C-alpha atoms as a PDB file:
ATOM      1  CA  UNK A   1       9.700  10.148  23.387  1.00  0.00           C
ATOM      2  CA  UNK A   2       9.839  13.550  25.063  1.00  0.00           C
ATOM      3  CA  UNK A   3       6.720  15.595  25.638  1.00  0.00           C
ATOM      4  CA  UNK A   4       7.956  18.189  23.114  1.00  0.00           C
ATOM      5  CA  UNK A   5       8.469  15.728  20.267  1.00  0.00           C
ATOM      6  CA  UNK A   6       5.747  15.107  17.744  1.00  0.00           C
ATOM      7  CA  UNK A   7       4.399  11.571  17.588  1.00  0.00           C
ATOM      8  CA  UNK A   8       3.819   9.792  14.295  1.00  0.00           C
ATOM      9  CA  UNK A   9       1.230   7.068  13.790  1.00  0.00           C
ATOM     10  CA  UNK A  10       2.042   4.454  11.148  1.00  0.00           C
ATOM     11  CA  UNK A  11      -0.335   1.789   9.910  1.00  0.00           C
ATOM     12  CA  UNK A  12       1.677  -1.425   9.803  1.00  0.00           C
ATOM     13  CA  UNK A  13       1.479  -3.882   6.874  1.00  0.00           C
ATOM     14  CA  UNK A  14       0.144  -6.688   9.055  1.00  0.00           C
ATOM     15  CA  UNK A  15      -2.689  -7.334  11.466  1.00  0.00           C
ATOM     16  CA  UNK A  16      -2.267  -7.558  15.206  1.00  0.00           C
ATOM     17  CA  UNK A  17      -4.049  -9.688  17.779  1.00  0.00           C
ATOM     18  CA  UNK A  18      -7.547 -10.776  16.830  1.00  0.00           C
ATOM     19  CA  UNK A  19      -7.063  -9.519  13.253  1.00  0.00           C
ATOM     20  CA  UNK A  20      -7.127  -5.871  14.290  1.00  0.00           C
ATOM     21  CA  UNK A  21      -5.065  -3.278  12.444  1.00  0.00           C
ATOM     22  CA  UNK A  22      -1.644  -2.713  13.965  1.00  0.00           C
ATOM     23  CA  UNK A  23      -0.092   0.733  14.370  1.00  0.00           C
ATOM     24  CA  UNK A  24       3.317   1.994  15.372  1.00  0.00           C
ATOM     25  CA  UNK A  25       3.686   5.229  17.311  1.00  0.00           C
ATOM     26  CA  UNK A  26       7.127   6.854  17.015  1.00  0.00           C
ATOM     27  CA  UNK A  27       8.762  10.245  17.120  1.00  0.00           C
ATOM     28  CA  UNK A  28       9.481   9.933  13.383  1.00  0.00           C
ATOM     29  CA  UNK A  29      12.904   8.344  13.729  1.00  0.00           C
ATOM     30  CA  UNK A  30      13.788   4.993  12.229  1.00  0.00           C
ATOM     31  CA  UNK A  31      13.294   2.041  14.574  1.00  0.00           C
ATOM     32  CA  UNK A  32      13.717  -1.706  14.377  1.00  0.00           C
ATOM     33  CA  UNK A  33       9.952  -2.142  13.926  1.00  0.00           C
ATOM     34  CA  UNK A  34       9.724   0.579  11.248  1.00  0.00           C
ATOM     35  CA  UNK A  35      12.553  -1.089   9.293  1.00  0.00           C
ATOM     36  CA  UNK A  36      10.805  -4.443   9.693  1.00  0.00           C
ATOM     37  CA  UNK A  37       7.589  -2.889   8.340  1.00  0.00           C
ATOM     38  CA  UNK A  38       9.519  -1.376   5.402  1.00  0.00           C
ATOM     39  CA  UNK A  39      11.031  -4.780   4.597  1.00  0.00           C
ATOM     40  CA  UNK A  40       7.643  -6.490   4.823  1.00  0.00           C
ATOM     41  CA  UNK A  41       6.092  -3.882   2.511  1.00  0.00           C
ATOM     42  CA  UNK A  42       8.876  -4.514  -0.008  1.00  0.00           C
ATOM     43  CA  UNK A  43       8.253  -8.264   0.179  1.00  0.00           C
ATOM     44  CA  UNK A  44       4.506  -7.767  -0.246  1.00  0.00           C
ATOM     45  CA  UNK A  45       5.040  -5.609  -3.332  1.00  0.00           C
ATOM     46  CA  UNK A  46       7.426  -8.196  -4.804  1.00  0.00           C
ATOM     47  CA  UNK A  47       4.921 -10.974  -4.052  1.00  0.00           C
ATOM     48  CA  UNK A  48       2.153  -8.985  -5.767  1.00  0.00           C
ATOM     49  CA  UNK A  49       4.359  -8.714  -8.849  1.00  0.00           C
ATOM     50  CA  UNK A  50       4.932 -12.483  -8.892  1.00  0.00           C
ATOM     51  CA  UNK A  51       1.211 -13.187  -8.437  1.00  0.00           C
ATOM     52  CA  UNK A  52       0.344 -10.743 -11.234  1.00  0.00           C
ATOM     53  CA  UNK A  53       2.839 -12.434 -13.543  1.00  0.00           C
ATOM     54  CA  UNK A  54       1.387 -15.842 -12.643  1.00  0.00           C
ATOM     55  CA  UNK A  55      -2.127 -14.577 -13.377  1.00  0.00           C
ATOM     56  CA  UNK A  56      -0.975 -13.254 -16.755  1.00  0.00           C
ATOM     57  CA  UNK A  57       0.578 -16.601 -17.649  1.00  0.00           C
ATOM     58  CA  UNK A  58      -2.552 -18.517 -16.610  1.00  0.00           C
ATOM     59  CA  UNK A  59      -4.884 -16.391 -18.713  1.00  0.00           C
ATOM     60  CA  UNK A  60      -2.452 -16.162 -21.664  1.00  0.00           C
ATOM     61  CA  UNK A  61      -1.918 -19.931 -21.776  1.00  0.00           C
ATOM     62  CA  UNK A  62      -3.493 -21.736 -24.721  1.00  0.00           C
ATOM     63  CA  UNK A  63      -4.884 -24.408 -22.386  1.00  0.00           C
ATOM     64  CA  UNK A  64      -8.116 -23.573 -20.558  1.00  0.00           C
ATOM     65  CA  UNK A  65      -7.310 -23.191 -16.826  1.00  0.00           C
ATOM     66  CA  UNK A  66      -9.221 -25.424 -14.436  1.00  0.00           C
ATOM     67  CA  UNK A  67     -11.608 -23.909 -11.883  1.00  0.00           C
ATOM     68  CA  UNK A  68      -9.118 -24.792  -9.133  1.00  0.00           C
ATOM     69  CA  UNK A  69      -6.310 -22.978 -10.976  1.00  0.00           C
ATOM     70  CA  UNK A  70      -8.484 -19.906 -11.466  1.00  0.00           C
ATOM     71  CA  UNK A  71      -9.576 -19.997  -7.819  1.00  0.00           C
ATOM     72  CA  UNK A  72      -5.933 -20.144  -6.696  1.00  0.00           C
ATOM     73  CA  UNK A  73      -4.962 -17.216  -8.928  1.00  0.00           C
ATOM     74  CA  UNK A  74      -7.941 -15.117  -7.814  1.00  0.00           C
ATOM     75  CA  UNK A  75      -7.191 -15.859  -4.150  1.00  0.00           C
ATOM     76  CA  UNK A  76      -3.575 -14.776  -4.646  1.00  0.00           C
ATOM     77  CA  UNK A  77      -4.648 -11.609  -6.471  1.00  0.00           C
ATOM     78  CA  UNK A  78      -7.123 -10.739  -3.697  1.00  0.00           C
ATOM     79  CA  UNK A  79      -4.441 -11.168  -1.027  1.00  0.00           C
ATOM     80  CA  UNK A  80      -1.970  -9.105  -3.043  1.00  0.00           C
ATOM     81  CA  UNK A  81      -4.461  -6.290  -3.662  1.00  0.00           C
ATOM     82  CA  UNK A  82      -5.382  -6.239   0.042  1.00  0.00           C
ATOM     83  CA  UNK A  83      -1.698  -5.933   0.991  1.00  0.00           C
ATOM     84  CA  UNK A  84      -1.090  -3.212  -1.611  1.00  0.00           C
ATOM     85  CA  UNK A  85      -4.119  -1.203  -0.454  1.00  0.00           C
ATOM     86  CA  UNK A  86      -2.853  -1.343   3.134  1.00  0.00           C
ATOM     87  CA  UNK A  87       0.588  -0.156   1.977  1.00  0.00           C
ATOM     88  CA  UNK A  88      -0.971   2.666  -0.049  1.00  0.00           C
ATOM     89  CA  UNK A  89      -3.142   3.747   2.874  1.00  0.00           C
ATOM     90  CA  UNK A  90      -0.191   3.658   5.269  1.00  0.00           C
ATOM     91  CA  UNK A  91       2.021   5.685   2.955  1.00  0.00           C
ATOM     92  CA  UNK A  92      -0.796   8.119   2.194  1.00  0.00           C
ATOM     93  CA  UNK A  93      -1.284   8.764   5.896  1.00  0.00           C
ATOM     94  CA  UNK A  94       2.407   9.645   6.191  1.00  0.00           C
ATOM     95  CA  UNK A  95       2.369  12.216   3.383  1.00  0.00           C
ATOM     96  CA  UNK A  96       2.170  15.708   4.857  1.00  0.00           C
ATOM     97  CA  UNK A  97      -0.797  17.845   3.890  1.00  0.00           C
ATOM     98  CA  UNK A  98      -0.275  20.650   1.416  1.00  0.00           C
ATOM     99  CA  UNK A  99       0.312  24.026   3.012  1.00  0.00           C
ATOM    100  CA  UNK A 100      -2.670  25.498   1.135  1.00  0.00           C
ATOM    101  CA  UNK A 101      -4.949  22.455   1.557  1.00  0.00           C
ATOM    102  CA  UNK A 102      -8.060  24.675   1.829  1.00  0.00           C
ATOM    103  CA  UNK A 103      -7.514  26.219  -1.631  1.00  0.00           C
ATOM    104  CA  UNK A 104      -8.607  23.616  -4.189  1.00  0.00           C
ATOM    105  CA  UNK A 105      -8.476  25.557  -7.463  1.00  0.00           C
ATOM    106  CA  UNK A 106      -7.268  23.796 -10.594  1.00  0.00           C
ATOM    107  CA  UNK A 107      -4.276  26.139 -10.805  1.00  0.00           C
ATOM    108  CA  UNK A 108      -2.898  24.538  -7.623  1.00  0.00           C
ATOM    109  CA  UNK A 109      -2.505  21.298  -9.521  1.00  0.00           C
ATOM    110  CA  UNK A 110      -0.656  23.030 -12.330  1.00  0.00           C
ATOM    111  CA  UNK A 111      -3.357  22.015 -14.804  1.00  0.00           C
ATOM    112  CA  UNK A 112      -4.894  24.354 -17.311  1.00  0.00           C
ATOM    113  CA  UNK A 113      -8.505  23.577 -18.158  1.00  0.00           C
ATOM    114  CA  UNK A 114      -9.131  22.320 -21.682  1.00  0.00           C
ATOM    115  CA  UNK A 115      -5.500  21.330 -22.302  1.00  0.00           C
ATOM    116  CA  UNK A 116      -4.582  17.673 -22.631  1.00  0.00           C
ATOM    117  CA  UNK A 117      -1.302  15.949 -23.153  1.00  0.00           C
END
């Protein structure tokens, strides 16, 4: 990275040593590690979808789920939500700020007061 290039900090979708958050510093270009992080995020989102579907089937089933089954589903949902929140935070940090970030009037959002859909 040259001294004139702008560095980008990316929160990675996994923890580093000792459970600490892991970050990637780049110049904004695609790298092996950024592609690996993208692939892992995709897998985590797909896993969350599978866990959600499993949870739906457990609670929709006519048979009362056992405490162990419920515990397993809740554990999976907690892990999936944690992964999804990390992905959302990482992606949110990479979204550039609005040019007029100081002006927070409702007209900036394109919403007229009192009008619903």
